[in-house]
Amino acid sequence: MTPRATFAGLVSLACHDMRTPLATVHGFTRTLAKAGLPDPASRYVEMIEAASAELAELVSELAVAARIEAGTYAPVLSEVDSLDLARTAAELLGEERVAVSGAGATVRVDEKAVRRGIAALVQSALRHGGFDEVAVSVDGPSVSLAPVTPASAAVLTGDEHRDLGAAVAVRVVRALGGGVELAGTELRLRLPQ
């Protein structure tokens, strides 16, 4: 059976086909946002624009997971500093919610997917752990998130599927040859060098 004939292939195809209508919705919403509509219409358009961008990200996440499952994931590898990855992931969530510390090292990863993955794992730790802030510490190629609660641990390790971003992040790190493990109240990512 070819990868296209598998369920993962079907999901990849669906993700591909969803991108065009999503781009249309997002593009016209941005056009309406620039038109200077009166309230409350302008607020509604802003909400639609944000939701369509979020939906596009979810489709991208699902597409990556399907390619990994189908064995067709072809990451675009680049050398990047692990501390820079953690900092830019924190910026996606707001630096008031994520404290980043440590010393990085050069890692060889799919930069966009790993940055998005670290942000998704932090977001998941915040959401499923009930915290207002998560600490991210970097030690060379290792990126650790804390605290991790017993309730959120299975979600963050990808063992329990309640958060698409976290589940895909774990798959991406492992597909790149890295590792993900729980160590007490800390989730540790080992990124490939």
Protein backbone atom coordinates (compact mmCIF):
# COMPACT_ATOMS: atom_id res chain seq x y z
CA MET A 1 0.00 0.00 0.00
CA THR A 2 1.44 3.37 -0.98
CA PRO A 3 1.58 6.23 1.58
CA ARG A 4 -1.24 7.99 -0.29
CA ALA A 5 -3.49 4.94 0.21
CA THR A 6 -3.07 5.01 4.01
CA PHE A 7 -5.13 6.94 6.51
CA ALA A 8 -2.13 9.25 7.07
CA GLY A 9 -2.06 9.87 3.32
CA LEU A 10 -5.76 10.71 3.39
CA VAL A 11 -5.18 13.19 6.22
CA SER A 12 -2.30 14.77 4.30
CA LEU A 13 -4.52 15.16 1.28
CA ALA A 14 -7.30 16.71 3.37
CA CYS A 15 -4.83 19.18 4.92
CA HIS A 16 -3.58 20.12 1.47
CA ASP A 17 -7.11 20.66 0.19
CA MET A 18 -8.12 22.77 3.23
CA ARG A 19 -5.32 25.27 2.72
CA THR A 20 -6.90 27.03 -0.29
CA PRO A 21 -10.26 27.86 1.31
CA LEU A 22 -8.49 28.84 4.54
CA ALA A 23 -6.20 31.19 2.63
CA THR A 24 -9.25 32.72 0.96
CA VAL A 25 -11.03 33.29 4.28
CA HIS A 26 -7.90 34.71 5.88
CA GLY A 27 -7.09 36.95 2.90
CA PHE A 28 -10.55 38.47 2.59
CA THR A 29 -10.76 38.91 6.36
CA ARG A 30 -7.52 40.90 6.28
CA THR A 31 -8.95 43.00 3.46
CA LEU A 32 -12.09 43.70 5.51
CA ALA A 33 -9.96 44.56 8.56
CA LYS A 34 -8.20 47.28 6.54
CA ALA A 35 -11.54 48.70 5.33
CA GLY A 36 -12.16 50.51 8.63
CA LEU A 37 -15.47 48.91 9.55
CA PRO A 38 -17.38 50.35 12.52
CA ASP A 39 -17.66 48.43 15.81
CA PRO A 40 -18.79 45.76 16.50
CA ALA A 41 -18.15 44.56 12.91
CA SER A 42 -14.43 45.44 13.13
CA ARG A 43 -14.06 43.33 16.31
CA TYR A 44 -15.83 40.41 14.62
CA VAL A 45 -13.52 40.64 11.62
CA GLU A 46 -10.48 40.66 13.95
CA MET A 47 -11.82 37.54 15.67
CA ILE A 48 -12.39 35.80 12.31
CA GLU A 49 -8.88 36.74 11.17
CA ALA A 50 -7.30 35.36 14.35
CA ALA A 51 -9.40 32.19 14.19
CA SER A 52 -8.54 31.56 10.54
CA ALA A 53 -4.82 31.97 11.28
CA GLU A 54 -5.15 29.55 14.20
CA LEU A 55 -7.02 27.07 12.02
CA ALA A 56 -4.27 27.29 9.39
CA GLU A 57 -1.68 26.47 12.09
CA LEU A 58 -3.74 23.46 13.22
CA VAL A 59 -3.95 22.21 9.63
CA SER A 60 -0.16 22.58 9.33
CA GLU A 61 0.34 20.63 12.56
CA LEU A 62 -1.95 17.86 11.38
CA ALA A 63 -0.17 17.71 8.02
CA VAL A 64 3.22 17.29 9.72
CA ALA A 65 1.86 14.51 11.95
CA ALA A 66 0.39 12.73 8.93
CA ARG A 67 3.69 12.94 7.03
CA ILE A 68 5.56 11.54 10.04
CA GLU A 69 3.06 8.67 10.37
CA ALA A 70 3.23 7.96 6.64
CA GLY A 71 7.03 8.00 6.66
CA THR A 72 7.14 10.90 4.21
CA TYR A 73 8.28 13.66 6.58
CA ALA A 74 11.18 15.47 4.90
CA PRO A 75 12.32 18.05 7.45
CA VAL A 76 14.17 21.14 6.31
CA LEU A 77 17.17 20.94 8.64
CA SER A 78 19.21 23.92 9.72
CA GLU A 79 21.67 24.67 12.46
CA VAL A 80 20.23 26.90 15.16
CA ASP A 81 21.02 27.71 18.78
CA SER A 82 18.76 25.85 21.24
CA LEU A 83 18.49 28.91 23.52
CA ASP A 84 17.34 31.03 20.55
CA LEU A 85 14.71 28.39 19.76
CA ALA A 86 13.41 28.52 23.32
CA ARG A 87 13.37 32.32 23.39
CA THR A 88 11.52 32.70 20.11
CA ALA A 89 9.03 30.01 21.19
CA ALA A 90 8.47 32.00 24.41
CA GLU A 91 7.86 35.16 22.39
CA LEU A 92 4.98 33.40 20.62
CA LEU A 93 3.25 32.96 23.99
CA GLY A 94 4.28 36.15 25.72
CA GLU A 95 7.39 36.53 27.83
CA GLU A 96 5.30 37.23 30.96
CA ARG A 97 4.10 33.59 30.84
CA VAL A 98 7.41 31.91 30.02
CA ALA A 99 10.72 32.37 31.84
CA VAL A 100 13.67 31.22 29.68
CA SER A 101 17.13 30.64 31.09
CA GLY A 102 20.32 28.68 30.46
CA ALA A 103 23.00 28.27 27.85
CA GLY A 104 22.32 26.91 24.38
CA ALA A 105 24.22 24.86 21.85
CA THR A 106 23.99 24.40 18.11
CA VAL A 107 21.34 21.85 17.19
CA ARG A 108 20.35 20.56 13.75
CA VAL A 109 16.56 20.61 13.49
CA ASP A 110 13.56 21.60 11.41
CA GLU A 111 13.63 25.09 12.94
CA LYS A 112 10.04 26.13 12.25
CA ALA A 113 8.55 22.81 13.41
CA VAL A 114 10.68 22.64 16.57
CA ARG A 115 10.02 26.28 17.50
CA ARG A 116 6.29 25.70 17.03
CA GLY A 117 6.64 22.44 18.99
CA ILE A 118 8.35 24.04 21.98
CA ALA A 119 5.70 26.77 22.04
CA ALA A 120 2.95 24.11 21.85
CA LEU A 121 4.47 22.13 24.72
CA VAL A 122 4.75 25.24 26.89
CA GLN A 123 1.18 26.21 26.02
CA SER A 124 0.04 22.70 26.89
CA ALA A 125 1.91 22.80 30.23
CA LEU A 126 0.18 26.10 31.03
CA ARG A 127 -3.25 24.90 29.94
CA HIS A 128 -3.25 21.37 31.37
CA GLY A 129 -1.17 22.17 34.44
CA GLY A 130 -3.22 25.18 35.46
CA PHE A 131 -0.20 27.47 35.73
CA ASP A 132 0.22 31.15 34.91
CA GLU A 133 3.93 30.69 34.14
CA VAL A 134 6.23 27.91 32.96
CA ALA A 135 10.02 27.89 33.19
CA VAL A 136 12.06 26.78 30.20
CA SER A 137 15.68 25.96 30.93
CA VAL A 138 18.22 25.21 28.23
CA ASP A 139 21.38 23.19 28.79
CA GLY A 140 23.14 22.70 25.48
CA PRO A 141 20.91 20.55 23.27
CA SER A 142 18.51 19.88 26.15
CA VAL A 143 15.38 22.01 26.62
CA SER A 144 13.39 21.44 29.82
CA LEU A 145 9.92 22.66 30.79
CA ALA A 146 8.73 22.88 34.38
CA PRO A 147 6.60 22.44 36.29
CA VAL A 148 4.77 19.44 34.88
CA THR A 149 1.88 18.13 36.94
CA PRO A 150 0.81 14.48 37.12
CA ALA A 151 -2.37 15.50 35.27
CA SER A 152 -0.47 17.12 32.38
CA ALA A 153 2.45 14.66 32.11
CA ALA A 154 0.76 12.17 29.76
CA VAL A 155 -0.40 15.00 27.50
CA LEU A 156 3.09 16.52 27.33
CA THR A 157 4.81 13.20 26.56
CA GLY A 158 2.34 12.49 23.76
CA ASP A 159 0.92 9.44 25.54
CA GLU A 160 -2.52 11.01 25.95
CA HIS A 161 -3.97 12.89 23.01
CA ARG A 162 -5.69 15.95 24.43
CA ASP A 163 -3.52 18.59 22.76
CA LEU A 164 -2.66 18.41 19.04
CA GLY A 165 0.31 20.76 19.30
CA ALA A 166 1.94 18.77 22.10
CA ALA A 167 1.33 15.43 20.36
CA VAL A 168 2.87 16.72 17.12
CA ALA A 169 5.81 18.34 18.95
CA VAL A 170 6.77 15.01 20.52
CA ARG A 171 6.53 13.27 17.14
CA VAL A 172 8.65 15.94 15.45
CA VAL A 173 11.43 15.78 18.05
CA ARG A 174 11.51 11.97 17.85
CA ALA A 175 11.35 11.96 14.03
CA LEU A 176 14.42 14.21 13.99
CA GLY A 177 16.31 11.71 16.16
CA GLY A 178 15.84 13.56 19.44
CA GLY A 179 14.17 12.40 22.61
CA VAL A 180 11.37 13.38 24.97
CA GLU A 181 11.21 12.20 28.57
CA LEU A 182 9.60 13.05 31.85
CA ALA A 183 11.98 13.55 34.79
CA GLY A 184 9.97 14.24 37.94
CA THR A 185 8.18 17.54 37.43
CA GLU A 186 10.17 18.39 34.30
CA LEU A 187 9.71 17.54 30.63
CA ARG A 188 13.07 17.20 28.85
CA LEU A 189 13.59 17.49 25.13
CA ARG A 190 16.91 16.31 23.75
CA LEU A 191 17.43 17.98 20.38
CA PRO A 192 19.77 16.42 17.80
CA GLN A 193 23.11 18.12 17.17
